[in-house]
Amino acid sequence: MGGARGVARARGLDHVVQLNVMQDKEKTEMLQFALSLLAAHASFFSHGHTAAASSQPFRTSLGTQMELEAARRQRDLEQRHALLLQQDLTQEVVGVASGGGGA
């Protein structure tokens, strides 16, 4: 009876040790998975940063082109406005000179 009790205890301890080893292995695997996930996130954001940094010259050039285009459009509008004002004044002068009576 005593020998059977000793064998049962030994097998029980072996079983507990095996369970602890399996739990430690699962924890290690979960931590490794979490670390690989963090590495993937870091790589993703690193690639995004690299892409954004490499597009800086293009964004700067595009901004400059947009400013130049806006300045050109504003100049064109101001020229048209001045031309229309000049035409209105010319028509008024022609109307007064012909005796049509000014507005």
N, C-alpha and C. Protein backbone atom coordinates (compact mmCIF):
# COMPACT_ATOMS: atom_id res chain seq x y z
N MET A 1 0.82 -1.19 0.00
CA MET A 1 0.00 0.00 0.00
C MET A 1 0.87 1.25 0.00
N GLY A 2 1.91 1.21 0.81
CA GLY A 2 2.81 2.35 0.89
C GLY A 2 3.52 2.61 -0.42
N GLY A 3 3.88 1.53 -1.12
CA GLY A 3 4.56 1.67 -2.40
C GLY A 3 3.63 2.27 -3.45
N ALA A 4 2.36 1.86 -3.43
CA ALA A 4 1.39 2.38 -4.40
C ALA A 4 1.15 3.86 -4.14
N ARG A 5 1.10 4.23 -2.84
CA ARG A 5 0.90 5.64 -2.49
C ARG A 5 2.08 6.48 -2.99
N GLY A 6 3.29 5.98 -2.85
CA GLY A 6 4.48 6.69 -3.31
C GLY A 6 4.47 6.86 -4.83
N VAL A 7 4.05 5.81 -5.55
CA VAL A 7 3.98 5.87 -7.01
C VAL A 7 2.93 6.90 -7.44
N ALA A 8 1.78 6.90 -6.75
CA ALA A 8 0.70 7.84 -7.08
C ALA A 8 1.15 9.27 -6.84
N ARG A 9 1.85 9.51 -5.74
CA ARG A 9 2.36 10.86 -5.46
C ARG A 9 3.38 11.28 -6.52
N ALA A 10 4.25 10.36 -6.87
CA ALA A 10 5.28 10.68 -7.87
C ALA A 10 4.63 11.01 -9.22
N ARG A 11 3.63 10.22 -9.61
CA ARG A 11 2.94 10.49 -10.87
C ARG A 11 2.17 11.82 -10.79
N GLY A 12 1.57 12.09 -9.64
CA GLY A 12 0.85 13.36 -9.45
C GLY A 12 1.80 14.54 -9.57
N LEU A 13 2.99 14.44 -8.96
CA LEU A 13 3.98 15.51 -9.06
C LEU A 13 4.48 15.66 -10.50
N ASP A 14 4.68 14.53 -11.20
CA ASP A 14 5.08 14.60 -12.60
C ASP A 14 4.01 15.32 -13.43
N HIS A 15 2.76 15.00 -13.14
CA HIS A 15 1.66 15.63 -13.86
C HIS A 15 1.63 17.14 -13.60
N VAL A 16 1.81 17.56 -12.36
CA VAL A 16 1.83 18.98 -12.01
C VAL A 16 3.00 19.68 -12.69
N VAL A 17 4.15 19.05 -12.72
CA VAL A 17 5.32 19.63 -13.37
C VAL A 17 5.06 19.79 -14.87
N GLN A 18 4.47 18.78 -15.49
CA GLN A 18 4.17 18.86 -16.92
C GLN A 18 3.15 19.98 -17.20
N LEU A 19 2.15 20.14 -16.33
CA LEU A 19 1.19 21.22 -16.49
C LEU A 19 1.87 22.59 -16.38
N ASN A 20 2.75 22.74 -15.41
CA ASN A 20 3.48 24.00 -15.25
C ASN A 20 4.36 24.29 -16.46
N VAL A 21 5.01 23.26 -16.99
CA VAL A 21 5.85 23.44 -18.18
C VAL A 21 5.00 23.88 -19.37
N MET A 22 3.82 23.27 -19.54
CA MET A 22 2.93 23.63 -20.64
C MET A 22 2.42 25.07 -20.49
N GLN A 23 2.07 25.44 -19.25
CA GLN A 23 1.60 26.81 -19.03
C GLN A 23 2.70 27.83 -19.31
N ASP A 24 3.92 27.53 -18.88
CA ASP A 24 5.05 28.43 -19.17
C ASP A 24 5.30 28.53 -20.67
N LYS A 25 5.16 27.40 -21.37
CA LYS A 25 5.36 27.38 -22.82
C LYS A 25 4.29 28.24 -23.50
N GLU A 26 3.03 28.14 -23.05
CA GLU A 26 1.95 28.94 -23.61
C GLU A 26 2.20 30.43 -23.37
N LYS A 27 2.63 30.77 -22.16
CA LYS A 27 2.92 32.17 -21.85
C LYS A 27 4.03 32.70 -22.75
N THR A 28 5.07 31.88 -22.92
CA THR A 28 6.18 32.28 -23.77
C THR A 28 5.73 32.49 -25.21
N GLU A 29 4.91 31.57 -25.71
CA GLU A 29 4.40 31.70 -27.08
C GLU A 29 3.52 32.94 -27.23
N MET A 30 2.68 33.22 -26.24
CA MET A 30 1.82 34.40 -26.29
C MET A 30 2.67 35.67 -26.28
N LEU A 31 3.69 35.71 -25.44
CA LEU A 31 4.57 36.87 -25.41
C LEU A 31 5.32 37.04 -26.72
N GLN A 32 5.77 35.94 -27.30
CA GLN A 32 6.45 36.02 -28.59
C GLN A 32 5.51 36.53 -29.67
N PHE A 33 4.25 36.08 -29.64
CA PHE A 33 3.27 36.56 -30.60
C PHE A 33 3.03 38.06 -30.41
N ALA A 34 2.89 38.50 -29.16
CA ALA A 34 2.68 39.93 -28.89
C ALA A 34 3.88 40.75 -29.36
N LEU A 35 5.08 40.24 -29.13
CA LEU A 35 6.27 40.96 -29.59
C LEU A 35 6.35 41.02 -31.11
N SER A 36 5.97 39.95 -31.79
CA SER A 36 5.98 39.97 -33.26
C SER A 36 4.92 40.92 -33.79
N LEU A 37 3.79 41.01 -33.10
CA LEU A 37 2.74 41.95 -33.49
C LEU A 37 3.23 43.39 -33.32
N LEU A 38 3.90 43.66 -32.22
CA LEU A 38 4.47 45.00 -32.01
C LEU A 38 5.53 45.32 -33.06
N ALA A 39 6.33 44.34 -33.42
CA ALA A 39 7.34 44.56 -34.46
C ALA A 39 6.68 44.86 -35.80
N ALA A 40 5.57 44.16 -36.10
CA ALA A 40 4.85 44.42 -37.35
C ALA A 40 4.28 45.84 -37.35
N HIS A 41 3.71 46.27 -36.22
CA HIS A 41 3.20 47.63 -36.12
C HIS A 41 4.32 48.65 -36.30
N ALA A 42 5.44 48.42 -35.66
CA ALA A 42 6.57 49.34 -35.78
C ALA A 42 7.05 49.41 -37.23
N SER A 43 7.11 48.28 -37.88
CA SER A 43 7.54 48.25 -39.28
C SER A 43 6.54 49.01 -40.16
N PHE A 44 5.25 48.80 -39.93
CA PHE A 44 4.22 49.49 -40.70
C PHE A 44 4.35 51.00 -40.57
N PHE A 45 4.46 51.49 -39.34
CA PHE A 45 4.55 52.92 -39.13
C PHE A 45 5.90 53.48 -39.61
N SER A 46 6.94 52.69 -39.53
CA SER A 46 8.23 53.12 -40.05
C SER A 46 8.16 53.30 -41.56
N HIS A 47 7.53 52.36 -42.25
CA HIS A 47 7.38 52.48 -43.71
C HIS A 47 6.51 53.69 -44.05
N GLY A 48 5.46 53.91 -43.27
CA GLY A 48 4.61 55.08 -43.50
C GLY A 48 5.37 56.38 -43.31
N HIS A 49 6.20 56.43 -42.29
CA HIS A 49 7.01 57.63 -42.05
C HIS A 49 7.99 57.85 -43.20
N THR A 50 8.60 56.78 -43.65
CA THR A 50 9.55 56.88 -44.77
C THR A 50 8.85 57.40 -46.03
N ALA A 51 7.66 56.87 -46.29
CA ALA A 51 6.92 57.30 -47.48
C ALA A 51 6.52 58.77 -47.36
N ALA A 52 6.07 59.17 -46.18
CA ALA A 52 5.68 60.58 -45.99
C ALA A 52 6.89 61.50 -46.11
N ALA A 53 8.00 61.08 -45.57
CA ALA A 53 9.21 61.91 -45.64
C ALA A 53 9.71 62.01 -47.08
N SER A 54 9.58 60.94 -47.84
CA SER A 54 10.06 60.99 -49.23
C SER A 54 9.16 61.83 -50.12
N SER A 55 7.93 62.07 -49.69
CA SER A 55 7.03 62.90 -50.50
C SER A 55 7.14 64.38 -50.15
N GLN A 56 8.01 64.74 -49.23
CA GLN A 56 8.17 66.14 -48.82
C GLN A 56 8.54 67.06 -49.98
N PRO A 57 9.50 66.72 -50.83
CA PRO A 57 9.81 67.62 -51.96
C PRO A 57 8.61 67.82 -52.88
N PHE A 58 7.86 66.75 -53.14
CA PHE A 58 6.68 66.87 -54.00
C PHE A 58 5.65 67.80 -53.37
N ARG A 59 5.40 67.62 -52.06
CA ARG A 59 4.41 68.47 -51.39
C ARG A 59 4.85 69.92 -51.39
N THR A 60 6.13 70.17 -51.19
CA THR A 60 6.65 71.54 -51.22
C THR A 60 6.49 72.14 -52.61
N SER A 61 6.85 71.37 -53.63
CA SER A 61 6.73 71.83 -55.01
C SER A 61 5.27 72.11 -55.36
N LEU A 62 4.39 71.22 -54.96
CA LEU A 62 2.97 71.39 -55.24
C LEU A 62 2.42 72.64 -54.56
N GLY A 63 2.83 72.87 -53.31
CA GLY A 63 2.40 74.07 -52.60
C GLY A 63 2.87 75.34 -53.29
N THR A 64 4.10 75.33 -53.74
CA THR A 64 4.65 76.49 -54.45
C THR A 64 3.90 76.72 -55.76
N GLN A 65 3.63 75.65 -56.49
CA GLN A 65 2.89 75.77 -57.75
C GLN A 65 1.48 76.31 -57.50
N MET A 66 0.85 75.85 -56.44
CA MET A 66 -0.50 76.33 -56.13
C MET A 66 -0.49 77.82 -55.78
N GLU A 67 0.52 78.25 -55.03
CA GLU A 67 0.63 79.67 -54.69
C GLU A 67 0.85 80.51 -55.94
N LEU A 68 1.72 80.04 -56.84
CA LEU A 68 1.98 80.78 -58.08
C LEU A 68 0.72 80.85 -58.96
N GLU A 69 0.01 79.73 -59.04
CA GLU A 69 -1.22 79.70 -59.83
C GLU A 69 -2.27 80.64 -59.24
N ALA A 70 -2.40 80.66 -57.92
CA ALA A 70 -3.36 81.56 -57.27
C ALA A 70 -2.97 83.01 -57.52
N ALA A 71 -1.69 83.32 -57.44
CA ALA A 71 -1.23 84.69 -57.70
C ALA A 71 -1.50 85.08 -59.16
N ARG A 72 -1.28 84.14 -60.09
CA ARG A 72 -1.54 84.42 -61.50
C ARG A 72 -3.02 84.67 -61.75
N ARG A 73 -3.89 83.83 -61.15
CA ARG A 73 -5.33 84.03 -61.31
C ARG A 73 -5.77 85.37 -60.74
N GLN A 74 -5.22 85.72 -59.57
CA GLN A 74 -5.58 87.00 -58.97
C GLN A 74 -5.14 88.16 -59.86
N ARG A 75 -3.93 88.07 -60.42
CA ARG A 75 -3.44 89.11 -61.32
C ARG A 75 -4.32 89.22 -62.56
N ASP A 76 -4.71 88.06 -63.12
CA ASP A 76 -5.59 88.07 -64.29
C ASP A 76 -6.94 88.71 -63.97
N LEU A 77 -7.50 88.38 -62.81
CA LEU A 77 -8.78 88.98 -62.42
C LEU A 77 -8.65 90.48 -62.22
N GLU A 78 -7.56 90.91 -61.61
CA GLU A 78 -7.35 92.34 -61.41
C GLU A 78 -7.19 93.05 -62.75
N GLN A 79 -6.51 92.42 -63.71
CA GLN A 79 -6.35 93.01 -65.04
C GLN A 79 -7.70 93.10 -65.75
N ARG A 80 -8.50 92.06 -65.65
CA ARG A 80 -9.83 92.09 -66.27
C ARG A 80 -10.69 93.18 -65.64
N HIS A 81 -10.62 93.29 -64.34
CA HIS A 81 -11.39 94.31 -63.63
C HIS A 81 -10.96 95.71 -64.08
N ALA A 82 -9.66 95.93 -64.18
CA ALA A 82 -9.16 97.23 -64.63
C ALA A 82 -9.58 97.50 -66.07
N LEU A 83 -9.54 96.46 -66.92
CA LEU A 83 -9.96 96.62 -68.31
C LEU A 83 -11.44 96.97 -68.41
N LEU A 84 -12.26 96.29 -67.63
CA LEU A 84 -13.70 96.59 -67.64
C LEU A 84 -13.98 98.00 -67.14
N LEU A 85 -13.26 98.41 -66.09
CA LEU A 85 -13.43 99.78 -65.60
C LEU A 85 -13.01 100.78 -66.66
N GLN A 86 -11.94 100.49 -67.35
CA GLN A 86 -11.46 101.39 -68.41
C GLN A 86 -12.48 101.45 -69.55
N GLN A 87 -13.06 100.30 -69.91
CA GLN A 87 -14.07 100.29 -70.97
C GLN A 87 -15.31 101.08 -70.55
N ASP A 88 -15.73 100.94 -69.28
CA ASP A 88 -16.88 101.69 -68.79
C ASP A 88 -16.59 103.19 -68.84
N LEU A 89 -15.39 103.58 -68.42
CA LEU A 89 -15.04 105.01 -68.44
C LEU A 89 -14.97 105.52 -69.87
N THR A 90 -14.45 104.71 -70.77
CA THR A 90 -14.35 105.11 -72.18
C THR A 90 -15.75 105.29 -72.77
N GLN A 91 -16.67 104.39 -72.44
CA GLN A 91 -18.03 104.49 -72.95
C GLN A 91 -18.73 105.73 -72.39
N GLU A 92 -18.47 106.06 -71.13
CA GLU A 92 -19.05 107.25 -70.53
C GLU A 92 -18.53 108.51 -71.23
N VAL A 93 -17.22 108.54 -71.49
CA VAL A 93 -16.61 109.70 -72.16
C VAL A 93 -17.18 109.82 -73.56
N VAL A 94 -17.30 108.72 -74.30
CA VAL A 94 -17.85 108.74 -75.64
C VAL A 94 -19.32 109.20 -75.60
N GLY A 95 -20.07 108.75 -74.61
CA GLY A 95 -21.47 109.14 -74.46
C GLY A 95 -21.63 110.62 -74.18
N VAL A 96 -20.77 111.18 -73.34
CA VAL A 96 -20.81 112.60 -73.00
C VAL A 96 -20.40 113.41 -74.21
N ALA A 97 -19.37 112.99 -74.93
CA ALA A 97 -18.86 113.73 -76.08
C ALA A 97 -19.89 113.73 -77.22
N SER A 98 -20.67 112.69 -77.34
CA SER A 98 -21.64 112.63 -78.43
C SER A 98 -22.95 113.31 -78.04
N GLY A 99 -23.02 113.77 -76.81
CA GLY A 99 -24.21 114.48 -76.36
C GLY A 99 -25.31 113.57 -75.87
N GLY A 100 -25.00 112.37 -75.62
CA GLY A 100 -25.99 111.41 -75.15
C GLY A 100 -26.34 111.59 -73.71
N GLY A 101 -25.58 112.39 -73.00
CA GLY A 101 -25.85 112.59 -71.57
C GLY A 101 -25.29 111.45 -70.76
N GLY A 102 -24.51 111.76 -69.79
CA GLY A 102 -23.86 110.76 -68.99
C GLY A 102 -24.79 110.19 -67.94
N ALA A 103 -24.41 109.07 -67.47
CA ALA A 103 -25.23 108.42 -66.45
C ALA A 103 -25.03 109.08 -65.11
